[in-house]
Amino acid sequence: EIPANEFLNLEGKKFSTSRNYAVWLGDIARDYNPEYVRYYLTTCIPETADANFYWKEFQSRSNDLCDTIWNLLSRTVTLIIKYMNGQPLQNIELTWAAQELFTNIKTISDSVALSTETYHFRDWVQSAVESFKLINWFIAQAAPRETAKSNPDQAAYDLSVVAHAIVHAASILAPYLPETSRQLITLFTWSD
């Protein structure tokens, strides 16, 4: 089976290289991280109807991706260094809340597999990013920075759950953001 898509336009008009109305590969590759370009193109892929490439939307979605993934990463690493000497717990027994987080990430992973089989790549990448939003929600609820003052063991546990969850969520991203996925997995994969 070969998937077919509709047309991708630029800012509401048809692409035209003869009129120099295009997104030039050399320019976009020089000026932007290719993973952000791949992410945006996947989120606006014309799977069922014509779609548009909008520069403002590209920048906005790139910023959203940074906010969702890289801010989570920065916060987690900073807190793990500060409260755990840079070493998350390796073997953790999951509480109900942590188990729910991992169950939700597994559900997303399963839906991604289905999206791949049905050629719904937009759903795939949006679901992958959703897994990081769940981790952001978990860390916001756990509030390890505040918890560390009164219960450092709980803060260490919560941060370790987040580190493990990031590795699981990063594996979902691999086909679309391979370098980001590799960096996240490498950062939070440790040996005994």
C-alpha atoms as a PDB file:
ATOM      1  CA  GLU A   1       0.000   0.000   0.000  1.00  0.00           C
ATOM      2  CA  ILE A   2       1.324   3.407  -0.968  1.00  0.00           C
ATOM      3  CA  PRO A   3       0.032   6.421   0.941  1.00  0.00           C
ATOM      4  CA  ALA A   4      -0.986   9.458  -1.066  1.00  0.00           C
ATOM      5  CA  ASN A   5      -1.163  12.983   0.262  1.00  0.00           C
ATOM      6  CA  GLU A   6      -2.735  16.184  -0.923  1.00  0.00           C
ATOM      7  CA  PHE A   7      -0.804  19.369  -1.737  1.00  0.00           C
ATOM      8  CA  LEU A   8       1.338  21.468   0.569  1.00  0.00           C
ATOM      9  CA  ASN A   9       1.139  25.190  -0.154  1.00  0.00           C
ATOM     10  CA  LEU A  10       3.239  28.083   1.084  1.00  0.00           C
ATOM     11  CA  GLU A  11       1.382  30.790   2.995  1.00  0.00           C
ATOM     12  CA  GLY A  12      -1.860  30.002   1.102  1.00  0.00           C
ATOM     13  CA  LYS A  13      -0.301  29.965  -2.388  1.00  0.00           C
ATOM     14  CA  LYS A  14       1.130  27.198  -4.532  1.00  0.00           C
ATOM     15  CA  PHE A  15       4.864  26.673  -4.373  1.00  0.00           C
ATOM     16  CA  SER A  16       6.594  27.932  -7.509  1.00  0.00           C
ATOM     17  CA  THR A  17      10.329  27.620  -7.972  1.00  0.00           C
ATOM     18  CA  SER A  18      10.157  29.526 -11.264  1.00  0.00           C
ATOM     19  CA  ARG A  19       8.670  32.505  -9.397  1.00  0.00           C
ATOM     20  CA  ASN A  20      11.081  31.968  -6.510  1.00  0.00           C
ATOM     21  CA  TYR A  21       8.148  31.275  -4.206  1.00  0.00           C
ATOM     22  CA  ALA A  22       9.449  28.333  -2.218  1.00  0.00           C
ATOM     23  CA  VAL A  23      11.138  27.183   0.934  1.00  0.00           C
ATOM     24  CA  TRP A  24      14.648  26.503  -0.277  1.00  0.00           C
ATOM     25  CA  LEU A  25      16.302  23.468   1.270  1.00  0.00           C
ATOM     26  CA  GLY A  26      19.714  25.098   1.526  1.00  0.00           C
ATOM     27  CA  ASP A  27      18.289  28.140   3.306  1.00  0.00           C
ATOM     28  CA  ILE A  28      16.115  26.282   5.783  1.00  0.00           C
ATOM     29  CA  ALA A  29      18.849  23.719   6.515  1.00  0.00           C
ATOM     30  CA  ARG A  30      21.325  26.532   7.203  1.00  0.00           C
ATOM     31  CA  ASP A  31      19.007  28.609   9.372  1.00  0.00           C
ATOM     32  CA  TYR A  32      17.056  25.980  11.356  1.00  0.00           C
ATOM     33  CA  ASN A  33      17.587  22.716  13.164  1.00  0.00           C
ATOM     34  CA  PRO A  34      16.562  19.992  10.687  1.00  0.00           C
ATOM     35  CA  GLU A  35      14.653  18.193  13.428  1.00  0.00           C
ATOM     36  CA  TYR A  36      12.398  21.220  13.917  1.00  0.00           C
ATOM     37  CA  VAL A  37      11.801  21.340  10.162  1.00  0.00           C
ATOM     38  CA  ARG A  38      10.963  17.630  10.083  1.00  0.00           C
ATOM     39  CA  TYR A  39       8.681  18.051  13.113  1.00  0.00           C
ATOM     40  CA  TYR A  40       6.798  20.969  11.594  1.00  0.00           C
ATOM     41  CA  LEU A  41       6.426  19.352   8.183  1.00  0.00           C
ATOM     42  CA  THR A  42       5.018  16.266   9.858  1.00  0.00           C
ATOM     43  CA  THR A  43       2.527  18.298  11.905  1.00  0.00           C
ATOM     44  CA  CYS A  44       1.228  20.021   8.780  1.00  0.00           C
ATOM     45  CA  ILE A  45       1.476  17.103   6.364  1.00  0.00           C
ATOM     46  CA  PRO A  46      -1.464  17.212   3.922  1.00  0.00           C
ATOM     47  CA  GLU A  47      -2.748  13.718   4.695  1.00  0.00           C
ATOM     48  CA  THR A  48      -6.417  14.265   3.852  1.00  0.00           C
ATOM     49  CA  ALA A  49      -6.632  17.826   2.522  1.00  0.00           C
ATOM     50  CA  ASP A  50      -4.360  20.524   1.194  1.00  0.00           C
ATOM     51  CA  ALA A  51      -2.265  22.155   3.907  1.00  0.00           C
ATOM     52  CA  ASN A  52      -0.028  25.180   4.245  1.00  0.00           C
ATOM     53  CA  PHE A  53       3.500  25.875   5.351  1.00  0.00           C
ATOM     54  CA  TYR A  54       3.367  29.101   7.364  1.00  0.00           C
ATOM     55  CA  TRP A  55       6.587  30.627   8.638  1.00  0.00           C
ATOM     56  CA  LYS A  56       4.980  32.001  11.813  1.00  0.00           C
ATOM     57  CA  GLU A  57       3.416  28.625  12.539  1.00  0.00           C
ATOM     58  CA  PHE A  58       6.779  26.929  11.934  1.00  0.00           C
ATOM     59  CA  GLN A  59       8.406  29.211  14.496  1.00  0.00           C
ATOM     60  CA  SER A  60       5.533  28.804  16.948  1.00  0.00           C
ATOM     61  CA  ARG A  61       5.545  25.000  16.752  1.00  0.00           C
ATOM     62  CA  SER A  62       9.341  24.936  17.056  1.00  0.00           C
ATOM     63  CA  ASN A  63       9.030  27.034  20.212  1.00  0.00           C
ATOM     64  CA  ASP A  64       6.301  24.730  21.541  1.00  0.00           C
ATOM     65  CA  LEU A  65       8.558  21.745  20.943  1.00  0.00           C
ATOM     66  CA  CYS A  66      11.373  23.460  22.841  1.00  0.00           C
ATOM     67  CA  ASP A  67       9.045  24.362  25.690  1.00  0.00           C
ATOM     68  CA  THR A  68       7.664  20.848  25.933  1.00  0.00           C
ATOM     69  CA  ILE A  69      10.860  18.816  25.657  1.00  0.00           C
ATOM     70  CA  TRP A  70      13.916  20.963  26.322  1.00  0.00           C
ATOM     71  CA  ASN A  71      12.495  22.899  29.271  1.00  0.00           C
ATOM     72  CA  LEU A  72      11.492  19.580  30.870  1.00  0.00           C
ATOM     73  CA  LEU A  73      14.963  18.231  30.244  1.00  0.00           C
ATOM     74  CA  SER A  74      16.671  21.315  31.654  1.00  0.00           C
ATOM     75  CA  ARG A  75      14.519  21.336  34.793  1.00  0.00           C
ATOM     76  CA  THR A  76      14.982  17.592  35.359  1.00  0.00           C
ATOM     77  CA  VAL A  77      18.750  17.607  34.876  1.00  0.00           C
ATOM     78  CA  THR A  78      19.180  20.684  37.079  1.00  0.00           C
ATOM     79  CA  LEU A  79      17.182  19.107  39.906  1.00  0.00           C
ATOM     80  CA  ILE A  80      18.878  15.714  39.595  1.00  0.00           C
ATOM     81  CA  ILE A  81      22.279  17.404  39.821  1.00  0.00           C
ATOM     82  CA  LYS A  82      21.204  19.579  42.741  1.00  0.00           C
ATOM     83  CA  TYR A  83      19.358  17.001  44.837  1.00  0.00           C
ATOM     84  CA  MET A  84      20.783  13.658  43.701  1.00  0.00           C
ATOM     85  CA  ASN A  85      24.414  14.370  42.783  1.00  0.00           C
ATOM     86  CA  GLY A  86      23.501  13.751  39.151  1.00  0.00           C
ATOM     87  CA  GLN A  87      22.456  10.121  39.693  1.00  0.00           C
ATOM     88  CA  PRO A  88      18.771   9.179  39.399  1.00  0.00           C
ATOM     89  CA  LEU A  89      17.681   6.008  41.165  1.00  0.00           C
ATOM     90  CA  GLN A  90      18.069   3.069  38.814  1.00  0.00           C
ATOM     91  CA  ASN A  91      15.655   0.546  40.274  1.00  0.00           C
ATOM     92  CA  ILE A  92      12.398   2.101  41.342  1.00  0.00           C
ATOM     93  CA  GLU A  93       9.151   0.551  42.451  1.00  0.00           C
ATOM     94  CA  LEU A  94       6.303   2.438  40.856  1.00  0.00           C
ATOM     95  CA  THR A  95       3.646   4.146  42.919  1.00  0.00           C
ATOM     96  CA  TRP A  96       0.136   4.393  41.549  1.00  0.00           C
ATOM     97  CA  ALA A  97       0.791   7.859  40.054  1.00  0.00           C
ATOM     98  CA  ALA A  98       4.059   6.732  38.443  1.00  0.00           C
ATOM     99  CA  GLN A  99       2.426   3.557  37.126  1.00  0.00           C
ATOM    100  CA  GLU A 100      -0.337   5.660  35.587  1.00  0.00           C
ATOM    101  CA  LEU A 101       2.278   7.844  33.863  1.00  0.00           C
ATOM    102  CA  PHE A 102       4.041   4.827  32.354  1.00  0.00           C
ATOM    103  CA  THR A 103       0.729   3.228  31.366  1.00  0.00           C
ATOM    104  CA  ASN A 104      -0.249   6.421  29.540  1.00  0.00           C
ATOM    105  CA  ILE A 105       3.121   6.572  27.762  1.00  0.00           C
ATOM    106  CA  LYS A 106       2.715   2.895  26.760  1.00  0.00           C
ATOM    107  CA  THR A 107      -0.778   3.666  25.431  1.00  0.00           C
ATOM    108  CA  ILE A 108       0.687   6.506  23.379  1.00  0.00           C
ATOM    109  CA  SER A 109       3.419   4.192  22.105  1.00  0.00           C
ATOM    110  CA  ASP A 110       0.782   1.666  21.017  1.00  0.00           C
ATOM    111  CA  SER A 111      -1.258   4.373  19.270  1.00  0.00           C
ATOM    112  CA  VAL A 112       1.885   5.510  17.477  1.00  0.00           C
ATOM    113  CA  ALA A 113       2.367   1.996  16.126  1.00  0.00           C
ATOM    114  CA  LEU A 114      -1.199   2.062  14.789  1.00  0.00           C
ATOM    115  CA  SER A 115      -0.665   5.523  13.288  1.00  0.00           C
ATOM    116  CA  THR A 116       2.363   4.188  11.435  1.00  0.00           C
ATOM    117  CA  GLU A 117       0.453   1.238  10.030  1.00  0.00           C
ATOM    118  CA  THR A 118      -2.317   3.538   8.795  1.00  0.00           C
ATOM    119  CA  TYR A 119       0.093   6.243   7.527  1.00  0.00           C
ATOM    120  CA  HIS A 120      -1.159   8.904   9.941  1.00  0.00           C
ATOM    121  CA  PHE A 121       2.225  10.424  10.593  1.00  0.00           C
ATOM    122  CA  ARG A 122       0.807  13.678  11.974  1.00  0.00           C
ATOM    123  CA  ASP A 123      -0.958  11.700  14.711  1.00  0.00           C
ATOM    124  CA  TRP A 124       2.298   9.889  15.436  1.00  0.00           C
ATOM    125  CA  VAL A 125       4.384  12.964  16.044  1.00  0.00           C
ATOM    126  CA  GLN A 126       1.618  14.740  17.983  1.00  0.00           C
ATOM    127  CA  SER A 127       1.205  11.683  20.206  1.00  0.00           C
ATOM    128  CA  ALA A 128       4.948  11.499  20.792  1.00  0.00           C
ATOM    129  CA  VAL A 129       4.995  15.105  21.976  1.00  0.00           C
ATOM    130  CA  GLU A 130       1.923  14.411  24.115  1.00  0.00           C
ATOM    131  CA  SER A 131       3.961  11.861  26.077  1.00  0.00           C
ATOM    132  CA  PHE A 132       6.337  14.673  27.097  1.00  0.00           C
ATOM    133  CA  LYS A 133       3.379  16.820  28.122  1.00  0.00           C
ATOM    134  CA  LEU A 134       2.301  14.007  30.453  1.00  0.00           C
ATOM    135  CA  ILE A 135       5.769  13.957  31.994  1.00  0.00           C
ATOM    136  CA  ASN A 136       5.638  17.738  32.402  1.00  0.00           C
ATOM    137  CA  TRP A 137       2.296  17.337  34.180  1.00  0.00           C
ATOM    138  CA  PHE A 138       3.741  14.639  36.461  1.00  0.00           C
ATOM    139  CA  ILE A 139       6.742  16.738  37.475  1.00  0.00           C
ATOM    140  CA  ALA A 140       4.517  19.780  38.044  1.00  0.00           C
ATOM    141  CA  GLN A 141       2.265  17.737  40.342  1.00  0.00           C
ATOM    142  CA  ALA A 142       5.195  16.145  42.168  1.00  0.00           C
ATOM    143  CA  ALA A 143       6.943  19.515  42.637  1.00  0.00           C
ATOM    144  CA  PRO A 144      10.321  17.953  43.505  1.00  0.00           C
ATOM    145  CA  ARG A 145      11.998  21.308  44.164  1.00  0.00           C
ATOM    146  CA  GLU A 146       9.539  22.001  46.986  1.00  0.00           C
ATOM    147  CA  THR A 147       9.347  18.378  48.141  1.00  0.00           C
ATOM    148  CA  ALA A 148      13.149  18.164  48.454  1.00  0.00           C
ATOM    149  CA  LYS A 149      13.038  20.560  51.402  1.00  0.00           C
ATOM    150  CA  SER A 150      10.809  18.354  53.544  1.00  0.00           C
ATOM    151  CA  ASN A 151      11.146  14.909  51.946  1.00  0.00           C
ATOM    152  CA  PRO A 152      14.334  14.509  49.882  1.00  0.00           C
ATOM    153  CA  ASP A 153      13.712  10.777  49.335  1.00  0.00           C
ATOM    154  CA  GLN A 154      10.361  11.518  47.707  1.00  0.00           C
ATOM    155  CA  ALA A 155      11.920  14.204  45.519  1.00  0.00           C
ATOM    156  CA  ALA A 156      14.651  11.750  44.460  1.00  0.00           C
ATOM    157  CA  TYR A 157      12.007   9.155  43.638  1.00  0.00           C
ATOM    158  CA  ASP A 158       9.909  11.603  41.602  1.00  0.00           C
ATOM    159  CA  LEU A 159      12.933  12.832  39.644  1.00  0.00           C
ATOM    160  CA  SER A 160      13.965   9.253  38.941  1.00  0.00           C
ATOM    161  CA  VAL A 161      10.484   8.469  37.632  1.00  0.00           C
ATOM    162  CA  VAL A 162      10.741  11.493  35.348  1.00  0.00           C
ATOM    163  CA  ALA A 163      14.188  10.417  34.083  1.00  0.00           C
ATOM    164  CA  HIS A 164      12.901   6.908  33.274  1.00  0.00           C
ATOM    165  CA  ALA A 165       9.769   8.322  31.637  1.00  0.00           C
ATOM    166  CA  ILE A 166      11.850  10.646  29.450  1.00  0.00           C
ATOM    167  CA  VAL A 167      13.779   7.636  28.105  1.00  0.00           C
ATOM    168  CA  HIS A 168      10.511   5.845  27.253  1.00  0.00           C
ATOM    169  CA  ALA A 169       8.998   8.920  25.617  1.00  0.00           C
ATOM    170  CA  ALA A 170      12.213   9.644  23.702  1.00  0.00           C
ATOM    171  CA  SER A 171      12.044   6.245  22.024  1.00  0.00           C
ATOM    172  CA  ILE A 172       8.647   7.207  20.559  1.00  0.00           C
ATOM    173  CA  LEU A 173      10.240  10.305  19.003  1.00  0.00           C
ATOM    174  CA  ALA A 174      13.109   8.464  17.318  1.00  0.00           C
ATOM    175  CA  PRO A 175      11.739   8.218  13.756  1.00  0.00           C
ATOM    176  CA  TYR A 176      11.005  11.947  13.517  1.00  0.00           C
ATOM    177  CA  LEU A 177      13.511  13.489  15.880  1.00  0.00           C
ATOM    178  CA  PRO A 178      16.345  10.933  15.874  1.00  0.00           C
ATOM    179  CA  GLU A 179      19.047  13.225  17.242  1.00  0.00           C
ATOM    180  CA  THR A 180      16.818  14.600  19.998  1.00  0.00           C
ATOM    181  CA  SER A 181      15.764  11.069  20.887  1.00  0.00           C
ATOM    182  CA  ARG A 182      19.366   9.869  20.967  1.00  0.00           C
ATOM    183  CA  GLN A 183      20.449  12.759  23.181  1.00  0.00           C
ATOM    184  CA  LEU A 184      17.625  12.199  25.659  1.00  0.00           C
ATOM    185  CA  ILE A 185      18.182   8.455  25.852  1.00  0.00           C
ATOM    186  CA  THR A 186      21.945   8.878  26.226  1.00  0.00           C
ATOM    187  CA  LEU A 187      21.560  11.483  28.939  1.00  0.00           C
ATOM    188  CA  PHE A 188      19.264   9.345  31.070  1.00  0.00           C
ATOM    189  CA  THR A 189      20.738   5.918  30.388  1.00  0.00           C
ATOM    190  CA  TRP A 190      23.253   4.961  33.018  1.00  0.00           C
ATOM    191  CA  SER A 191      25.060   1.806  33.963  1.00  0.00           C
ATOM    192  CA  ASP A 192      25.671   0.211  37.364  1.00  0.00           C
END
